[in-house]
Structures are given as structure tokens and as C-alpha cells.
Amino acid sequence: MVADISDGRGFFTGIVHDISRSGLALENIPAKVNSHADQLTVIVNGRGGRFKLSLSPKWENIADRQKLIGGRIEQCSVAWTNFVMHFEPEPDDIWGNS
């Protein structure tokens, strides 16, 4: 999925690397994104949905001119929670096998 990201100073595009109900990781983000900002505004587009999230950055990895940023979701819609739950494994399927 594609993500549009704002750090309060600029707008950037990245790829959603990993998701959960409480967090996500973004990759292929330009290194100039301020990952030390208190909050990033992230618009996630894909799989038939468009979701606006407030993300508190918690960690980053920098390689060349790009970053991988992970953070905690501070604000999201019920639609996001339902979307993520759709991809979670069944409670008795600890290995995620269908």
C-alpha cells in the first residue's frame, strides 16, 4: 500500500511495510523526512481503502537516501481497525496459516 506522509514541513510518499492495530512501518521514505517530529500525518491508500492516521515515530533505519520508520498510531478511524482485523490470523491459528 502507498502512504502519503507529512512531517509538518513537507509532503512525501512511501510504502506501508507492516501494519497492526496500534502501529505501522513505512519504507522507501526520503531521508529528509523529520522522523523526530512529535507526529506524522499518514494517509494510507490501497486495497479499496483510504485511511488518515496520526503516527508517533518510535524508530528509524537509514540506508542511502531513504528511511524505514516505525511508529505508534495515536489516532485512527474505526474503519482502520476493521481493515487491520481483516488480515489478522484466527485466534487459534498462532502461525497465521489458513
C-alpha atoms as a PDB file:
ATOM      1  CA  MET A   1       0.000   0.000   0.000  1.00  0.00           C
ATOM      2  CA  VAL A   2       1.104   3.543  -0.658  1.00  0.00           C
ATOM      3  CA  ALA A   3       1.332   6.180   2.067  1.00  0.00           C
ATOM      4  CA  ASP A   4       1.372   9.966   1.797  1.00  0.00           C
ATOM      5  CA  ILE A   5       3.283  11.381   4.752  1.00  0.00           C
ATOM      6  CA  SER A   6       3.598  14.862   6.228  1.00  0.00           C
ATOM      7  CA  ASP A   7       6.075  15.779   8.951  1.00  0.00           C
ATOM      8  CA  GLY A   8       4.666  19.301   9.258  1.00  0.00           C
ATOM      9  CA  ARG A   9       7.354  20.717   6.949  1.00  0.00           C
ATOM     10  CA  GLY A  10       6.806  18.787   3.729  1.00  0.00           C
ATOM     11  CA  PHE A  11       4.921  16.023   1.968  1.00  0.00           C
ATOM     12  CA  PHE A  12       6.417  12.684   0.993  1.00  0.00           C
ATOM     13  CA  THR A  13       5.393   9.319  -0.411  1.00  0.00           C
ATOM     14  CA  GLY A  14       6.356   5.920   0.939  1.00  0.00           C
ATOM     15  CA  ILE A  15       5.295   2.302   1.096  1.00  0.00           C
ATOM     16  CA  VAL A  16       3.498   0.663   4.017  1.00  0.00           C
ATOM     17  CA  HIS A  17       5.845  -2.094   5.174  1.00  0.00           C
ATOM     18  CA  ASP A  18       3.972  -3.579   8.119  1.00  0.00           C
ATOM     19  CA  ILE A  19       0.666  -2.869   9.899  1.00  0.00           C
ATOM     20  CA  SER A  20      -1.082  -3.631  13.155  1.00  0.00           C
ATOM     21  CA  ARG A  21      -3.947  -2.080  15.076  1.00  0.00           C
ATOM     22  CA  SER A  22      -1.549   0.082  17.062  1.00  0.00           C
ATOM     23  CA  GLY A  23       1.346   0.743  14.711  1.00  0.00           C
ATOM     24  CA  LEU A  24       2.894   0.592  11.282  1.00  0.00           C
ATOM     25  CA  ALA A  25       6.195   0.771   9.472  1.00  0.00           C
ATOM     26  CA  LEU A  26       6.841   2.887   6.390  1.00  0.00           C
ATOM     27  CA  GLU A  27       9.646   2.280   3.896  1.00  0.00           C
ATOM     28  CA  ASN A  28      11.157   3.978   0.854  1.00  0.00           C
ATOM     29  CA  ILE A  29      10.756   7.361   2.519  1.00  0.00           C
ATOM     30  CA  PRO A  30      13.199  10.140   1.633  1.00  0.00           C
ATOM     31  CA  ALA A  31      15.889  10.585   4.318  1.00  0.00           C
ATOM     32  CA  LYS A  32      14.920  14.244   4.754  1.00  0.00           C
ATOM     33  CA  VAL A  33      11.611  13.325   6.446  1.00  0.00           C
ATOM     34  CA  ASN A  34      11.778  14.591  10.030  1.00  0.00           C
ATOM     35  CA  SER A  35      11.279  11.351  11.962  1.00  0.00           C
ATOM     36  CA  HIS A  36      11.879  13.287  15.193  1.00  0.00           C
ATOM     37  CA  ALA A  37       8.620  15.198  14.754  1.00  0.00           C
ATOM     38  CA  ASP A  38       6.100  14.585  17.532  1.00  0.00           C
ATOM     39  CA  GLN A  39       3.544  13.381  14.986  1.00  0.00           C
ATOM     40  CA  LEU A  40       3.466  12.398  11.345  1.00  0.00           C
ATOM     41  CA  THR A  41       0.222  12.583   9.413  1.00  0.00           C
ATOM     42  CA  VAL A  42      -0.093   9.488   7.232  1.00  0.00           C
ATOM     43  CA  ILE A  43      -2.701   8.808   4.554  1.00  0.00           C
ATOM     44  CA  VAL A  44      -2.707   5.113   3.635  1.00  0.00           C
ATOM     45  CA  ASN A  45      -4.186   4.246   0.228  1.00  0.00           C
ATOM     46  CA  GLY A  46      -4.776   0.761  -1.033  1.00  0.00           C
ATOM     47  CA  ARG A  47      -6.844  -2.379  -1.007  1.00  0.00           C
ATOM     48  CA  GLY A  48     -10.013  -0.370  -1.524  1.00  0.00           C
ATOM     49  CA  GLY A  49      -9.487   1.980   1.394  1.00  0.00           C
ATOM     50  CA  ARG A  50      -8.130   5.390   2.296  1.00  0.00           C
ATOM     51  CA  PHE A  51      -7.190   5.938   5.935  1.00  0.00           C
ATOM     52  CA  LYS A  52      -5.864   9.012   7.759  1.00  0.00           C
ATOM     53  CA  LEU A  53      -3.615   8.209  10.732  1.00  0.00           C
ATOM     54  CA  SER A  54      -1.602  10.196  13.271  1.00  0.00           C
ATOM     55  CA  LEU A  55       1.688   8.402  13.867  1.00  0.00           C
ATOM     56  CA  SER A  56       4.237   8.944  16.655  1.00  0.00           C
ATOM     57  CA  PRO A  57       7.616   7.861  15.241  1.00  0.00           C
ATOM     58  CA  LYS A  58       9.433   5.394  17.541  1.00  0.00           C
ATOM     59  CA  TRP A  59      12.381   4.158  15.468  1.00  0.00           C
ATOM     60  CA  GLU A  60      14.104   4.600  12.125  1.00  0.00           C
ATOM     61  CA  ASN A  61      16.688   2.904   9.926  1.00  0.00           C
ATOM     62  CA  ILE A  62      18.522   4.954   7.334  1.00  0.00           C
ATOM     63  CA  ALA A  63      20.063   3.417   4.213  1.00  0.00           C
ATOM     64  CA  ASP A  64      21.448   5.563   1.423  1.00  0.00           C
ATOM     65  CA  ARG A  65      18.929   8.343   0.861  1.00  0.00           C
ATOM     66  CA  GLN A  66      15.905   6.538   2.267  1.00  0.00           C
ATOM     67  CA  LYS A  67      14.419   5.707   5.654  1.00  0.00           C
ATOM     68  CA  LEU A  68      12.355   2.977   7.219  1.00  0.00           C
ATOM     69  CA  ILE A  69      10.254   4.465  10.025  1.00  0.00           C
ATOM     70  CA  GLY A  70       8.138   2.628  12.580  1.00  0.00           C
ATOM     71  CA  GLY A  71       5.682   4.234  14.915  1.00  0.00           C
ATOM     72  CA  ARG A  72       2.649   4.030  17.134  1.00  0.00           C
ATOM     73  CA  ILE A  73      -0.739   5.046  15.754  1.00  0.00           C
ATOM     74  CA  GLU A  74      -2.187   7.745  18.005  1.00  0.00           C
ATOM     75  CA  GLN A  75      -5.401   8.428  16.099  1.00  0.00           C
ATOM     76  CA  CYS A  76      -7.227   6.341  13.546  1.00  0.00           C
ATOM     77  CA  SER A  77     -10.743   5.554  12.461  1.00  0.00           C
ATOM     78  CA  VAL A  78     -12.822   2.501  13.290  1.00  0.00           C
ATOM     79  CA  ALA A  79     -12.515   1.693   9.587  1.00  0.00           C
ATOM     80  CA  TRP A  80      -8.716   1.296  10.017  1.00  0.00           C
ATOM     81  CA  THR A  81      -9.173  -1.057  12.954  1.00  0.00           C
ATOM     82  CA  ASN A  82     -11.672  -3.148  10.987  1.00  0.00           C
ATOM     83  CA  PHE A  83      -9.360  -3.154   7.966  1.00  0.00           C
ATOM     84  CA  VAL A  84      -6.399  -4.437  10.003  1.00  0.00           C
ATOM     85  CA  MET A  85      -8.502  -7.030  11.825  1.00  0.00           C
ATOM     86  CA  HIS A  86      -9.450  -8.495   8.436  1.00  0.00           C
ATOM     87  CA  PHE A  87      -5.788  -9.526   7.942  1.00  0.00           C
ATOM     88  CA  GLU A  88      -5.140 -10.889  11.438  1.00  0.00           C
ATOM     89  CA  PRO A  89      -4.949 -14.674  11.863  1.00  0.00           C
ATOM     90  CA  GLU A  90      -7.726 -16.508  13.672  1.00  0.00           C
ATOM     91  CA  PRO A  91      -7.133 -16.693  17.464  1.00  0.00           C
ATOM     92  CA  ASP A  92      -6.388 -20.437  17.386  1.00  0.00           C
ATOM     93  CA  ASP A  93      -4.043 -20.108  14.379  1.00  0.00           C
ATOM     94  CA  ILE A  94      -0.853 -18.887  16.096  1.00  0.00           C
ATOM     95  CA  TRP A  95       1.253 -19.402  12.957  1.00  0.00           C
ATOM     96  CA  GLY A  96      -1.033 -17.450  10.594  1.00  0.00           C
ATOM     97  CA  ASN A  97      -1.815 -20.471   8.408  1.00  0.00           C
ATOM     98  CA  SER A  98      -5.127 -20.657   6.668  1.00  0.00           C
END
